[in-house]
Amino acid sequence: MTGSEEGSVSLEVLKTKMAEFAKERDWERFHSPRNLLLALVGEVGEVSEIFQWKGEVPKGLPEWEEKEKEHLGEELSDVLLYLVRLSDICGIDLAQAVLRKLELNAIKYPVHKWKNHSA
């Protein structure tokens, strides 16, 4: 993928690709913050449906069939793409917001107080 290292892609590349995708289809007029948020919530619901009734599953999903993992990957991708598009439409630099949030979380949950404790 253009602008990425093997196995990774930047949020900036995703943002650009999503903007191009919407523009090519004349979907920009439908991409209001509200509409994108509702679409994002719908996609999160689809991820939830995949896990529904499975109980707790171990890390790496070792008992899942490859087809199930592929479907999960598609739905998680939809969530990420809508989130990136929503942040772009709202004028939020998502990469910077994430880094700032990590710093705030480190202050809120210092290692010496929270190591081996769940938040």
PDB file of N, CA and C in Angstrom:
ATOM      1  N   MET A   1       0.845  -1.174   0.000  1.00  0.00           N
ATOM      2  CA  MET A   1       0.000   0.000   0.000  1.00  0.00           C
ATOM      3  C   MET A   1       0.888   1.233   0.000  1.00  0.00           C
ATOM      4  N   THR A   2       0.540   2.218  -0.744  1.00  0.00           N
ATOM      5  CA  THR A   2       1.347   3.428  -0.870  1.00  0.00           C
ATOM      6  C   THR A   2       1.479   4.131   0.471  1.00  0.00           C
ATOM      7  N   GLY A   3       2.712   4.596   0.758  1.00  0.00           N
ATOM      8  CA  GLY A   3       2.937   5.360   1.980  1.00  0.00           C
ATOM      9  C   GLY A   3       3.004   4.521   3.232  1.00  0.00           C
ATOM     10  N   SER A   4       3.230   3.235   3.079  1.00  0.00           N
ATOM     11  CA  SER A   4       3.255   2.374   4.253  1.00  0.00           C
ATOM     12  C   SER A   4       4.468   1.463   4.220  1.00  0.00           C
ATOM     13  N   GLU A   5       4.801   0.971   5.377  1.00  0.00           N
ATOM     14  CA  GLU A   5       5.829  -0.046   5.468  1.00  0.00           C
ATOM     15  C   GLU A   5       5.130  -1.387   5.326  1.00  0.00           C
ATOM     16  N   GLU A   6       5.893  -2.408   5.046  1.00  0.00           N
ATOM     17  CA  GLU A   6       5.290  -3.727   4.923  1.00  0.00           C
ATOM     18  C   GLU A   6       4.597  -4.101   6.225  1.00  0.00           C
ATOM     19  N   GLY A   7       3.310  -4.437   6.140  1.00  0.00           N
ATOM     20  CA  GLY A   7       2.566  -4.862   7.314  1.00  0.00           C
ATOM     21  C   GLY A   7       1.969  -3.735   8.134  1.00  0.00           C
ATOM     22  N   SER A   8       2.219  -2.495   7.772  1.00  0.00           N
ATOM     23  CA  SER A   8       1.630  -1.391   8.520  1.00  0.00           C
ATOM     24  C   SER A   8       1.214  -0.287   7.563  1.00  0.00           C
ATOM     25  N   VAL A   9       0.312   0.555   8.032  1.00  0.00           N
ATOM     26  CA  VAL A   9      -0.163   1.675   7.238  1.00  0.00           C
ATOM     27  C   VAL A   9      -0.443   2.828   8.199  1.00  0.00           C
ATOM     28  N   SER A  10      -0.173   4.038   7.753  1.00  0.00           N
ATOM     29  CA  SER A  10      -0.389   5.191   8.625  1.00  0.00           C
ATOM     30  C   SER A  10      -1.850   5.625   8.599  1.00  0.00           C
ATOM     31  N   LEU A  11      -2.249   6.313   9.648  1.00  0.00           N
ATOM     32  CA  LEU A  11      -3.588   6.882   9.685  1.00  0.00           C
ATOM     33  C   LEU A  11      -3.746   7.922   8.576  1.00  0.00           C
ATOM     34  N   GLU A  12      -2.671   8.623   8.265  1.00  0.00           N
ATOM     35  CA  GLU A  12      -2.712   9.632   7.204  1.00  0.00           C
ATOM     36  C   GLU A  12      -3.024   8.989   5.851  1.00  0.00           C
ATOM     37  N   VAL A  13      -2.431   7.842   5.585  1.00  0.00           N
ATOM     38  CA  VAL A  13      -2.711   7.127   4.334  1.00  0.00           C
ATOM     39  C   VAL A  13      -4.165   6.682   4.304  1.00  0.00           C
ATOM     40  N   LEU A  14      -4.650   6.150   5.416  1.00  0.00           N
ATOM     41  CA  LEU A  14      -6.057   5.726   5.476  1.00  0.00           C
ATOM     42  C   LEU A  14      -6.989   6.908   5.276  1.00  0.00           C
ATOM     43  N   LYS A  15      -6.675   8.035   5.906  1.00  0.00           N
ATOM     44  CA  LYS A  15      -7.494   9.236   5.780  1.00  0.00           C
ATOM     45  C   LYS A  15      -7.574   9.672   4.313  1.00  0.00           C
ATOM     46  N   THR A  16      -6.438   9.697   3.647  1.00  0.00           N
ATOM     47  CA  THR A  16      -6.389  10.098   2.241  1.00  0.00           C
ATOM     48  C   THR A  16      -7.172   9.127   1.372  1.00  0.00           C
ATOM     49  N   LYS A  17      -6.986   7.844   1.599  1.00  0.00           N
ATOM     50  CA  LYS A  17      -7.682   6.837   0.800  1.00  0.00           C
ATOM     51  C   LYS A  17      -9.194   6.902   1.009  1.00  0.00           C
ATOM     52  N   MET A  18      -9.617   7.139   2.252  1.00  0.00           N
ATOM     53  CA  MET A  18     -11.052   7.244   2.526  1.00  0.00           C
ATOM     54  C   MET A  18     -11.642   8.487   1.870  1.00  0.00           C
ATOM     55  N   ALA A  19     -10.923   9.593   1.911  1.00  0.00           N
ATOM     56  CA  ALA A  19     -11.399  10.824   1.276  1.00  0.00           C
ATOM     57  C   ALA A  19     -11.530  10.625  -0.232  1.00  0.00           C
ATOM     58  N   GLU A  20     -10.542   9.985  -0.845  1.00  0.00           N
ATOM     59  CA  GLU A  20     -10.586   9.709  -2.280  1.00  0.00           C
ATOM     60  C   GLU A  20     -11.748   8.778  -2.624  1.00  0.00           C
ATOM     61  N   PHE A  21     -11.930   7.752  -1.822  1.00  0.00           N
ATOM     62  CA  PHE A  21     -12.991   6.769  -2.026  1.00  0.00           C
ATOM     63  C   PHE A  21     -14.354   7.466  -2.017  1.00  0.00           C
ATOM     64  N   ALA A  22     -14.571   8.323  -1.020  1.00  0.00           N
ATOM     65  CA  ALA A  22     -15.844   9.033  -0.902  1.00  0.00           C
ATOM     66  C   ALA A  22     -16.033  10.012  -2.069  1.00  0.00           C
ATOM     67  N   LYS A  23     -14.974  10.720  -2.420  1.00  0.00           N
ATOM     68  CA  LYS A  23     -15.061  11.708  -3.498  1.00  0.00           C
ATOM     69  C   LYS A  23     -15.381  11.047  -4.835  1.00  0.00           C
ATOM     70  N   GLU A  24     -14.731   9.928  -5.129  1.00  0.00           N
ATOM     71  CA  GLU A  24     -14.954   9.222  -6.393  1.00  0.00           C
ATOM     72  C   GLU A  24     -16.408   8.772  -6.545  1.00  0.00           C
ATOM     73  N   ARG A  25     -17.069   8.514  -5.448  1.00  0.00           N
ATOM     74  CA  ARG A  25     -18.447   8.023  -5.470  1.00  0.00           C
ATOM     75  C   ARG A  25     -19.473   9.116  -5.193  1.00  0.00           C
ATOM     76  N   ASP A  26     -18.986  10.341  -5.019  1.00  0.00           N
ATOM     77  CA  ASP A  26     -19.836  11.479  -4.679  1.00  0.00           C
ATOM     78  C   ASP A  26     -20.600  11.223  -3.369  1.00  0.00           C
ATOM     79  N   TRP A  27     -19.899  10.635  -2.409  1.00  0.00           N
ATOM     80  CA  TRP A  27     -20.495  10.335  -1.106  1.00  0.00           C
ATOM     81  C   TRP A  27     -20.186  11.402  -0.070  1.00  0.00           C
ATOM     82  N   GLU A  28     -19.352  12.378  -0.430  1.00  0.00           N
ATOM     83  CA  GLU A  28     -18.959  13.383   0.546  1.00  0.00           C
ATOM     84  C   GLU A  28     -20.174  14.062   1.169  1.00  0.00           C
ATOM     85  N   ARG A  29     -21.210  14.280   0.370  1.00  0.00           N
ATOM     86  CA  ARG A  29     -22.408  14.965   0.870  1.00  0.00           C
ATOM     87  C   ARG A  29     -23.137  14.160   1.937  1.00  0.00           C
ATOM     88  N   PHE A  30     -22.905  12.856   1.983  1.00  0.00           N
ATOM     89  CA  PHE A  30     -23.542  12.004   2.984  1.00  0.00           C
ATOM     90  C   PHE A  30     -22.691  11.846   4.243  1.00  0.00           C
ATOM     91  N   HIS A  31     -21.437  12.264   4.156  1.00  0.00           N
ATOM     92  CA  HIS A  31     -20.504  12.028   5.253  1.00  0.00           C
ATOM     93  C   HIS A  31     -20.494  13.159   6.271  1.00  0.00           C
ATOM     94  N   SER A  32     -21.647  13.375   6.880  1.00  0.00           N
ATOM     95  CA  SER A  32     -21.737  14.314   8.004  1.00  0.00           C
ATOM     96  C   SER A  32     -21.230  13.594   9.253  1.00  0.00           C
ATOM     97  N   PRO A  33     -20.808  14.339  10.256  1.00  0.00           N
ATOM     98  CA  PRO A  33     -20.374  13.674  11.495  1.00  0.00           C
ATOM     99  C   PRO A  33     -21.428  12.709  12.043  1.00  0.00           C
ATOM    100  N   ARG A  34     -22.687  13.124  12.052  1.00  0.00           N
ATOM    101  CA  ARG A  34     -23.757  12.269  12.575  1.00  0.00           C
ATOM    102  C   ARG A  34     -23.872  10.968  11.781  1.00  0.00           C
ATOM    103  N   ASN A  35     -23.913  11.078  10.458  1.00  0.00           N
ATOM    104  CA  ASN A  35     -24.055   9.879   9.624  1.00  0.00           C
ATOM    105  C   ASN A  35     -22.869   8.938   9.792  1.00  0.00           C
ATOM    106  N   LEU A  36     -21.681   9.489   9.861  1.00  0.00           N
ATOM    107  CA  LEU A  36     -20.492   8.653  10.040  1.00  0.00           C
ATOM    108  C   LEU A  36     -20.486   7.986  11.404  1.00  0.00           C
ATOM    109  N   LEU A  37     -20.909   8.720  12.430  1.00  0.00           N
ATOM    110  CA  LEU A  37     -20.979   8.129  13.768  1.00  0.00           C
ATOM    111  C   LEU A  37     -21.973   6.969  13.786  1.00  0.00           C
ATOM    112  N   LEU A  38     -23.135   7.168  13.202  1.00  0.00           N
ATOM    113  CA  LEU A  38     -24.125   6.093  13.183  1.00  0.00           C
ATOM    114  C   LEU A  38     -23.626   4.878  12.408  1.00  0.00           C
ATOM    115  N   ALA A  39     -22.921   5.125  11.314  1.00  0.00           N
ATOM    116  CA  ALA A  39     -22.341   4.012  10.557  1.00  0.00           C
ATOM    117  C   ALA A  39     -21.285   3.294  11.391  1.00  0.00           C
ATOM    118  N   LEU A  40     -20.476   4.061  12.118  1.00  0.00           N
ATOM    119  CA  LEU A  40     -19.447   3.484  12.987  1.00  0.00           C
ATOM    120  C   LEU A  40     -20.079   2.605  14.063  1.00  0.00           C
ATOM    121  N   VAL A  41     -21.122   3.104  14.692  1.00  0.00           N
ATOM    122  CA  VAL A  41     -21.814   2.326  15.724  1.00  0.00           C
ATOM    123  C   VAL A  41     -22.385   1.039  15.135  1.00  0.00           C
ATOM    124  N   GLY A  42     -22.929   1.123  13.933  1.00  0.00           N
ATOM    125  CA  GLY A  42     -23.441  -0.072  13.271  1.00  0.00           C
ATOM    126  C   GLY A  42     -22.357  -1.108  13.044  1.00  0.00           C
ATOM    127  N   GLU A  43     -21.178  -0.644  12.644  1.00  0.00           N
ATOM    128  CA  GLU A  43     -20.067  -1.572  12.418  1.00  0.00           C
ATOM    129  C   GLU A  43     -19.569  -2.187  13.729  1.00  0.00           C
ATOM    130  N   VAL A  44     -19.556  -1.394  14.798  1.00  0.00           N
ATOM    131  CA  VAL A  44     -19.184  -1.946  16.110  1.00  0.00           C
ATOM    132  C   VAL A  44     -20.189  -3.031  16.502  1.00  0.00           C
ATOM    133  N   GLY A  45     -21.452  -2.803  16.176  1.00  0.00           N
ATOM    134  CA  GLY A  45     -22.479  -3.822  16.429  1.00  0.00           C
ATOM    135  C   GLY A  45     -22.202  -5.104  15.659  1.00  0.00           C
ATOM    136  N   GLU A  46     -21.713  -4.973  14.431  1.00  0.00           N
ATOM    137  CA  GLU A  46     -21.392  -6.163  13.646  1.00  0.00           C
ATOM    138  C   GLU A  46     -20.219  -6.927  14.251  1.00  0.00           C
ATOM    139  N   VAL A  47     -19.239  -6.215  14.812  1.00  0.00           N
ATOM    140  CA  VAL A  47     -18.135  -6.885  15.514  1.00  0.00           C
ATOM    141  C   VAL A  47     -18.689  -7.602  16.746  1.00  0.00           C
ATOM    142  N   SER A  48     -19.597  -6.945  17.452  1.00  0.00           N
ATOM    143  CA  SER A  48     -20.200  -7.552  18.646  1.00  0.00           C
ATOM    144  C   SER A  48     -20.938  -8.840  18.308  1.00  0.00           C
ATOM    145  N   GLU A  49     -21.631  -8.832  17.178  1.00  0.00           N
ATOM    146  CA  GLU A  49     -22.369 -10.030  16.765  1.00  0.00           C
ATOM    147  C   GLU A  49     -21.441 -11.220  16.546  1.00  0.00           C
ATOM    148  N   ILE A  50     -20.249 -10.955  16.063  1.00  0.00           N
ATOM    149  CA  ILE A  50     -19.296 -12.042  15.824  1.00  0.00           C
ATOM    150  C   ILE A  50     -18.932 -12.734  17.143  1.00  0.00           C
ATOM    151  N   PHE A  51     -18.809 -11.949  18.201  1.00  0.00           N
ATOM    152  CA  PHE A  51     -18.419 -12.496  19.505  1.00  0.00           C
ATOM    153  C   PHE A  51     -19.613 -12.986  20.329  1.00  0.00           C
ATOM    154  N   GLN A  52     -20.803 -12.568  19.934  1.00  0.00           N
ATOM    155  CA  GLN A  52     -21.996 -12.932  20.696  1.00  0.00           C
ATOM    156  C   GLN A  52     -22.118 -14.454  20.795  1.00  0.00           C
ATOM    157  N   TRP A  53     -22.399 -14.933  21.967  1.00  0.00           N
ATOM    158  CA  TRP A  53     -22.641 -16.341  22.266  1.00  0.00           C
ATOM    159  C   TRP A  53     -21.380 -17.196  22.252  1.00  0.00           C
ATOM    160  N   LYS A  54     -20.216 -16.606  22.094  1.00  0.00           N
ATOM    161  CA  LYS A  54     -18.982 -17.395  22.095  1.00  0.00           C
ATOM    162  C   LYS A  54     -18.371 -17.492  23.487  1.00  0.00           C
ATOM    163  N   GLY A  55     -18.863 -16.706  24.439  1.00  0.00           N
ATOM    164  CA  GLY A  55     -18.247 -16.680  25.755  1.00  0.00           C
ATOM    165  C   GLY A  55     -16.865 -16.047  25.650  1.00  0.00           C
ATOM    166  N   GLU A  56     -16.046 -16.287  26.650  1.00  0.00           N
ATOM    167  CA  GLU A  56     -14.678 -15.766  26.603  1.00  0.00           C
ATOM    168  C   GLU A  56     -13.876 -16.567  25.587  1.00  0.00           C
ATOM    169  N   VAL A  57     -13.067 -15.870  24.838  1.00  0.00           N
ATOM    170  CA  VAL A  57     -12.219 -16.534  23.850  1.00  0.00           C
ATOM    171  C   VAL A  57     -10.766 -16.171  24.138  1.00  0.00           C
ATOM    172  N   PRO A  58      -9.851 -17.124  23.977  1.00  0.00           N
ATOM    173  CA  PRO A  58      -8.442 -16.844  24.263  1.00  0.00           C
ATOM    174  C   PRO A  58      -7.804 -15.929  23.223  1.00  0.00           C
ATOM    175  N   LYS A  59      -6.762 -15.260  23.656  1.00  0.00           N
ATOM    176  CA  LYS A  59      -5.982 -14.378  22.782  1.00  0.00           C
ATOM    177  C   LYS A  59      -5.532 -15.145  21.539  1.00  0.00           C
ATOM    178  N   GLY A  60      -5.650 -14.493  20.400  1.00  0.00           N
ATOM    179  CA  GLY A  60      -5.246 -15.123  19.141  1.00  0.00           C
ATOM    180  C   GLY A  60      -6.339 -15.965  18.505  1.00  0.00           C
ATOM    181  N   LEU A  61      -7.437 -16.182  19.214  1.00  0.00           N
ATOM    182  CA  LEU A  61      -8.584 -16.938  18.699  1.00  0.00           C
ATOM    183  C   LEU A  61      -8.179 -18.287  18.112  1.00  0.00           C
ATOM    184  N   PRO A  62      -7.433 -19.106  18.873  1.00  0.00           N
ATOM    185  CA  PRO A  62      -6.884 -20.349  18.321  1.00  0.00           C
ATOM    186  C   PRO A  62      -7.931 -21.369  17.870  1.00  0.00           C
ATOM    187  N   GLU A  63      -9.131 -21.304  18.425  1.00  0.00           N
ATOM    188  CA  GLU A  63     -10.158 -22.289  18.063  1.00  0.00           C
ATOM    189  C   GLU A  63     -11.062 -21.799  16.932  1.00  0.00           C
ATOM    190  N   TRP A  64     -10.821 -20.610  16.440  1.00  0.00           N
ATOM    191  CA  TRP A  64     -11.651 -20.064  15.376  1.00  0.00           C
ATOM    192  C   TRP A  64     -11.155 -20.556  14.020  1.00  0.00           C
ATOM    193  N   GLU A  65     -12.081 -20.751  13.104  1.00  0.00           N
ATOM    194  CA  GLU A  65     -11.725 -21.104  11.737  1.00  0.00           C
ATOM    195  C   GLU A  65     -11.167 -19.865  11.040  1.00  0.00           C
ATOM    196  N   GLU A  66     -10.359 -20.081  10.022  1.00  0.00           N
ATOM    197  CA  GLU A  66      -9.759 -18.966   9.290  1.00  0.00           C
ATOM    198  C   GLU A  66     -10.827 -18.053   8.693  1.00  0.00           C
ATOM    199  N   LYS A  67     -11.925 -18.633   8.256  1.00  0.00           N
ATOM    200  CA  LYS A  67     -13.023 -17.852   7.678  1.00  0.00           C
ATOM    201  C   LYS A  67     -13.614 -16.897   8.724  1.00  0.00           C
ATOM    202  N   GLU A  68     -13.733 -17.355   9.968  1.00  0.00           N
ATOM    203  CA  GLU A  68     -14.252 -16.501  11.047  1.00  0.00           C
ATOM    204  C   GLU A  68     -13.293 -15.350  11.347  1.00  0.00           C
ATOM    205  N   LYS A  69     -12.003 -15.655  11.359  1.00  0.00           N
ATOM    206  CA  LYS A  69     -11.003 -14.607  11.603  1.00  0.00           C
ATOM    207  C   LYS A  69     -10.999 -13.584  10.471  1.00  0.00           C
ATOM    208  N   GLU A  70     -11.152 -14.060   9.257  1.00  0.00           N
ATOM    209  CA  GLU A  70     -11.191 -13.159   8.106  1.00  0.00           C
ATOM    210  C   GLU A  70     -12.395 -12.219   8.199  1.00  0.00           C
ATOM    211  N   HIS A  71     -13.542 -12.783   8.575  1.00  0.00           N
ATOM    212  CA  HIS A  71     -14.752 -11.966   8.740  1.00  0.00           C
ATOM    213  C   HIS A  71     -14.544 -10.923   9.838  1.00  0.00           C
ATOM    214  N   LEU A  72     -13.956 -11.323  10.948  1.00  0.00           N
ATOM    215  CA  LEU A  72     -13.660 -10.381  12.030  1.00  0.00           C
ATOM    216  C   LEU A  72     -12.739  -9.271  11.528  1.00  0.00           C
ATOM    217  N   GLY A  73     -11.728  -9.626  10.766  1.00  0.00           N
ATOM    218  CA  GLY A  73     -10.813  -8.632  10.213  1.00  0.00           C
ATOM    219  C   GLY A  73     -11.526  -7.623   9.321  1.00  0.00           C
ATOM    220  N   GLU A  74     -12.485  -8.097   8.538  1.00  0.00           N
ATOM    221  CA  GLU A  74     -13.250  -7.198   7.673  1.00  0.00           C
ATOM    222  C   GLU A  74     -14.082  -6.224   8.497  1.00  0.00           C
ATOM    223  N   GLU A  75     -14.726  -6.730   9.532  1.00  0.00           N
ATOM    224  CA  GLU A  75     -15.573  -5.860  10.355  1.00  0.00           C
ATOM    225  C   GLU A  75     -14.741  -4.885  11.188  1.00  0.00           C
ATOM    226  N   LEU A  76     -13.609  -5.331  11.715  1.00  0.00           N
ATOM    227  CA  LEU A  76     -12.722  -4.418  12.445  1.00  0.00           C
ATOM    228  C   LEU A  76     -12.188  -3.334  11.502  1.00  0.00           C
ATOM    229  N   SER A  77     -11.935  -3.717  10.257  1.00  0.00           N
ATOM    230  CA  SER A  77     -11.486  -2.746   9.259  1.00  0.00           C
ATOM    231  C   SER A  77     -12.557  -1.689   9.013  1.00  0.00           C
ATOM    232  N   ASP A  78     -13.809  -2.114   8.926  1.00  0.00           N
ATOM    233  CA  ASP A  78     -14.901  -1.156   8.751  1.00  0.00           C
ATOM    234  C   ASP A  78     -14.948  -0.163   9.908  1.00  0.00           C
ATOM    235  N   VAL A  79     -14.778  -0.662  11.129  1.00  0.00           N
ATOM    236  CA  VAL A  79     -14.773   0.214  12.308  1.00  0.00           C
ATOM    237  C   VAL A  79     -13.650   1.246  12.194  1.00  0.00           C
ATOM    238  N   LEU A  80     -12.458   0.787  11.878  1.00  0.00           N
ATOM    239  CA  LEU A  80     -11.317   1.695  11.767  1.00  0.00           C
ATOM    240  C   LEU A  80     -11.528   2.721  10.657  1.00  0.00           C
ATOM    241  N   LEU A  81     -12.006   2.276   9.515  1.00  0.00           N
ATOM    242  CA  LEU A  81     -12.192   3.188   8.393  1.00  0.00           C
ATOM    243  C   LEU A  81     -13.225   4.270   8.704  1.00  0.00           C
ATOM    244  N   TYR A  82     -14.332   3.889   9.328  1.00  0.00           N
ATOM    245  CA  TYR A  82     -15.319   4.899   9.709  1.00  0.00           C
ATOM    246  C   TYR A  82     -14.767   5.836  10.780  1.00  0.00           C
ATOM    247  N   LEU A  83     -13.992   5.322  11.717  1.00  0.00           N
ATOM    248  CA  LEU A  83     -13.396   6.173  12.743  1.00  0.00           C
ATOM    249  C   LEU A  83     -12.429   7.184  12.131  1.00  0.00           C
ATOM    250  N   VAL A  84     -11.605   6.727  11.209  1.00  0.00           N
ATOM    251  CA  VAL A  84     -10.658   7.609  10.527  1.00  0.00           C
ATOM    252  C   VAL A  84     -11.416   8.664   9.727  1.00  0.00           C
ATOM    253  N   ARG A  85     -12.451   8.256   9.016  1.00  0.00           N
ATOM    254  CA  ARG A  85     -13.232   9.205   8.227  1.00  0.00           C
ATOM    255  C   ARG A  85     -13.942  10.218   9.122  1.00  0.00           C
ATOM    256  N   LEU A  86     -14.519   9.751  10.222  1.00  0.00           N
ATOM    257  CA  LEU A  86     -15.197  10.651  11.165  1.00  0.00           C
ATOM    258  C   LEU A  86     -14.232  11.677  11.736  1.00  0.00           C
ATOM    259  N   SER A  87     -13.053  11.223  12.138  1.00  0.00           N
ATOM    260  CA  SER A  87     -12.068  12.153  12.700  1.00  0.00           C
ATOM    261  C   SER A  87     -11.648  13.182  11.647  1.00  0.00           C
ATOM    262  N   ASP A  88     -11.504  12.768  10.403  1.00  0.00           N
ATOM    263  CA  ASP A  88     -11.128  13.682   9.329  1.00  0.00           C
ATOM    264  C   ASP A  88     -12.222  14.727   9.111  1.00  0.00           C
ATOM    265  N   ILE A  89     -13.446  14.294   9.010  1.00  0.00           N
ATOM    266  CA  ILE A  89     -14.570  15.203   8.777  1.00  0.00           C
ATOM    267  C   ILE A  89     -14.725  16.188   9.946  1.00  0.00           C
ATOM    268  N   CYS A  90     -14.390  15.755  11.144  1.00  0.00           N
ATOM    269  CA  CYS A  90     -14.492  16.625  12.325  1.00  0.00           C
ATOM    270  C   CYS A  90     -13.255  17.498  12.521  1.00  0.00           C
ATOM    271  N   GLY A  91     -12.237  17.308  11.682  1.00  0.00           N
ATOM    272  CA  GLY A  91     -11.029  18.113  11.800  1.00  0.00           C
ATOM    273  C   GLY A  91     -10.146  17.721  12.967  1.00  0.00           C
ATOM    274  N   ILE A  92     -10.210  16.457  13.354  1.00  0.00           N
ATOM    275  CA  ILE A  92      -9.401  15.931  14.453  1.00  0.00           C
ATOM    276  C   ILE A  92      -8.222  15.158  13.884  1.00  0.00           C
ATOM    277  N   ASP A  93      -7.019  15.511  14.325  1.00  0.00           N
ATOM    278  CA  ASP A  93      -5.833  14.740  13.962  1.00  0.00           C
ATOM    279  C   ASP A  93      -5.816  13.525  14.886  1.00  0.00           C
ATOM    280  N   LEU A  94      -6.319  12.421  14.386  1.00  0.00           N
ATOM    281  CA  LEU A  94      -6.507  11.229  15.220  1.00  0.00           C
ATOM    282  C   LEU A  94      -5.194  10.707  15.779  1.00  0.00           C
ATOM    283  N   ALA A  95      -4.133  10.727  14.981  1.00  0.00           N
ATOM    284  CA  ALA A  95      -2.834  10.236  15.471  1.00  0.00           C
ATOM    285  C   ALA A  95      -2.363  11.061  16.659  1.00  0.00           C
ATOM    286  N   GLN A  96      -2.466  12.377  16.554  1.00  0.00           N
ATOM    287  CA  GLN A  96      -2.049  13.244  17.670  1.00  0.00           C
ATOM    288  C   GLN A  96      -2.980  13.080  18.870  1.00  0.00           C
ATOM    289  N   ALA A  97      -4.276  12.934  18.615  1.00  0.00           N
ATOM    290  CA  ALA A  97      -5.235  12.743  19.707  1.00  0.00           C
ATOM    291  C   ALA A  97      -4.940  11.453  20.472  1.00  0.00           C
ATOM    292  N   VAL A  98      -4.581  10.404  19.740  1.00  0.00           N
ATOM    293  CA  VAL A  98      -4.269   9.118  20.374  1.00  0.00           C
ATOM    294  C   VAL A  98      -3.010   9.238  21.236  1.00  0.00           C
ATOM    295  N   LEU A  99      -1.989   9.886  20.699  1.00  0.00           N
ATOM    296  CA  LEU A  99      -0.748  10.058  21.477  1.00  0.00           C
ATOM    297  C   LEU A  99      -0.999  10.875  22.741  1.00  0.00           C
ATOM    298  N   ARG A 100      -1.788  11.932  22.611  1.00  0.00           N
ATOM    299  CA  ARG A 100      -2.125  12.751  23.778  1.00  0.00           C
ATOM    300  C   ARG A 100      -2.898  11.925  24.802  1.00  0.00           C
ATOM    301  N   LYS A 101      -3.846  11.128  24.334  1.00  0.00           N
ATOM    302  CA  LYS A 101      -4.652  10.300  25.235  1.00  0.00           C
ATOM    303  C   LYS A 101      -3.787   9.272  25.961  1.00  0.00           C
ATOM    304  N   LEU A 102      -2.815   8.702  25.266  1.00  0.00           N
ATOM    305  CA  LEU A 102      -1.901   7.765  25.924  1.00  0.00           C
ATOM    306  C   LEU A 102      -1.118   8.457  27.042  1.00  0.00           C
ATOM    307  N   GLU A 103      -0.684   9.678  26.785  1.00  0.00           N
ATOM    308  CA  GLU A 103       0.028  10.445  27.818  1.00  0.00           C
ATOM    309  C   GLU A 103      -0.879  10.725  29.005  1.00  0.00           C
ATOM    310  N   LEU A 104      -2.117  11.125  28.742  1.00  0.00           N
ATOM    311  CA  LEU A 104      -3.072  11.384  29.821  1.00  0.00           C
ATOM    312  C   LEU A 104      -3.368  10.114  30.617  1.00  0.00           C
ATOM    313  N   ASN A 105      -3.498   8.986  29.920  1.00  0.00           N
ATOM    314  CA  ASN A 105      -3.740   7.714  30.611  1.00  0.00           C
ATOM    315  C   ASN A 105      -2.553   7.319  31.485  1.00  0.00           C
ATOM    316  N   ALA A 106      -1.343   7.606  31.013  1.00  0.00           N
ATOM    317  CA  ALA A 106      -0.151   7.290  31.813  1.00  0.00           C
ATOM    318  C   ALA A 106      -0.139   8.097  33.105  1.00  0.00           C
ATOM    319  N   ILE A 107      -0.619   9.322  33.050  1.00  0.00           N
ATOM    320  CA  ILE A 107      -0.704  10.153  34.251  1.00  0.00           C
ATOM    321  C   ILE A 107      -1.825   9.648  35.166  1.00  0.00           C
ATOM    322  N   LYS A 108      -2.956   9.328  34.571  1.00  0.00           N
ATOM    323  CA  LYS A 108      -4.121   8.866  35.336  1.00  0.00           C
ATOM    324  C   LYS A 108      -3.897   7.497  35.965  1.00  0.00           C
ATOM    325  N   TYR A 109      -3.158   6.642  35.280  1.00  0.00           N
ATOM    326  CA  TYR A 109      -2.917   5.276  35.740  1.00  0.00           C
ATOM    327  C   TYR A 109      -1.419   5.014  35.829  1.00  0.00           C
ATOM    328  N   PRO A 110      -0.732   5.601  36.814  1.00  0.00           N
ATOM    329  CA  PRO A 110       0.719   5.400  36.917  1.00  0.00           C
ATOM    330  C   PRO A 110       1.052   3.930  37.196  1.00  0.00           C
ATOM    331  N   VAL A 111       2.158   3.499  36.624  1.00  0.00           N
ATOM    332  CA  VAL A 111       2.566   2.090  36.723  1.00  0.00           C
ATOM    333  C   VAL A 111       2.633   1.630  38.172  1.00  0.00           C
ATOM    334  N   HIS A 112       3.230   2.435  39.044  1.00  0.00           N
ATOM    335  CA  HIS A 112       3.423   2.002  40.435  1.00  0.00           C
ATOM    336  C   HIS A 112       2.098   1.754  41.164  1.00  0.00           C
ATOM    337  N   LYS A 113       1.001   2.362  40.719  1.00  0.00           N
ATOM    338  CA  LYS A 113      -0.290   2.163  41.368  1.00  0.00           C
ATOM    339  C   LYS A 113      -1.133   1.093  40.683  1.00  0.00           C
ATOM    340  N   TRP A 114      -0.907   0.882  39.399  1.00  0.00           N
ATOM    341  CA  TRP A 114      -1.818   0.055  38.630  1.00  0.00           C
ATOM    342  C   TRP A 114      -1.227  -1.240  38.105  1.00  0.00           C
ATOM    343  N   LYS A 115       0.070  -1.471  38.293  1.00  0.00           N
ATOM    344  CA  LYS A 115       0.655  -2.709  37.784  1.00  0.00           C
ATOM    345  C   LYS A 115      -0.025  -3.897  38.453  1.00  0.00           C
ATOM    346  N   ASN A 116      -0.463  -4.843  37.645  1.00  0.00           N
ATOM    347  CA  ASN A 116      -1.146  -6.059  38.084  1.00  0.00           C
ATOM    348  C   ASN A 116      -2.546  -5.803  38.636  1.00  0.00           C
ATOM    349  N   HIS A 117      -3.123  -4.650  38.373  1.00  0.00           N
ATOM    350  CA  HIS A 117      -4.505  -4.338  38.739  1.00  0.00           C
ATOM    351  C   HIS A 117      -5.268  -3.944  37.479  1.00  0.00           C
ATOM    352  N   SER A 118      -6.521  -4.378  37.389  1.00  0.00           N
ATOM    353  CA  SER A 118      -7.313  -3.968  36.214  1.00  0.00           C
ATOM    354  C   SER A 118      -7.925  -2.610  36.468  1.00  0.00           C
ATOM    355  N   ALA A 119      -8.085  -1.877  35.404  1.00  0.00           N
ATOM    356  CA  ALA A 119      -8.684  -0.525  35.519  1.00  0.00           C
ATOM    357  C   ALA A 119     -10.176  -0.623  35.503  1.00  0.00           C
TER     358      ALA A 119
END
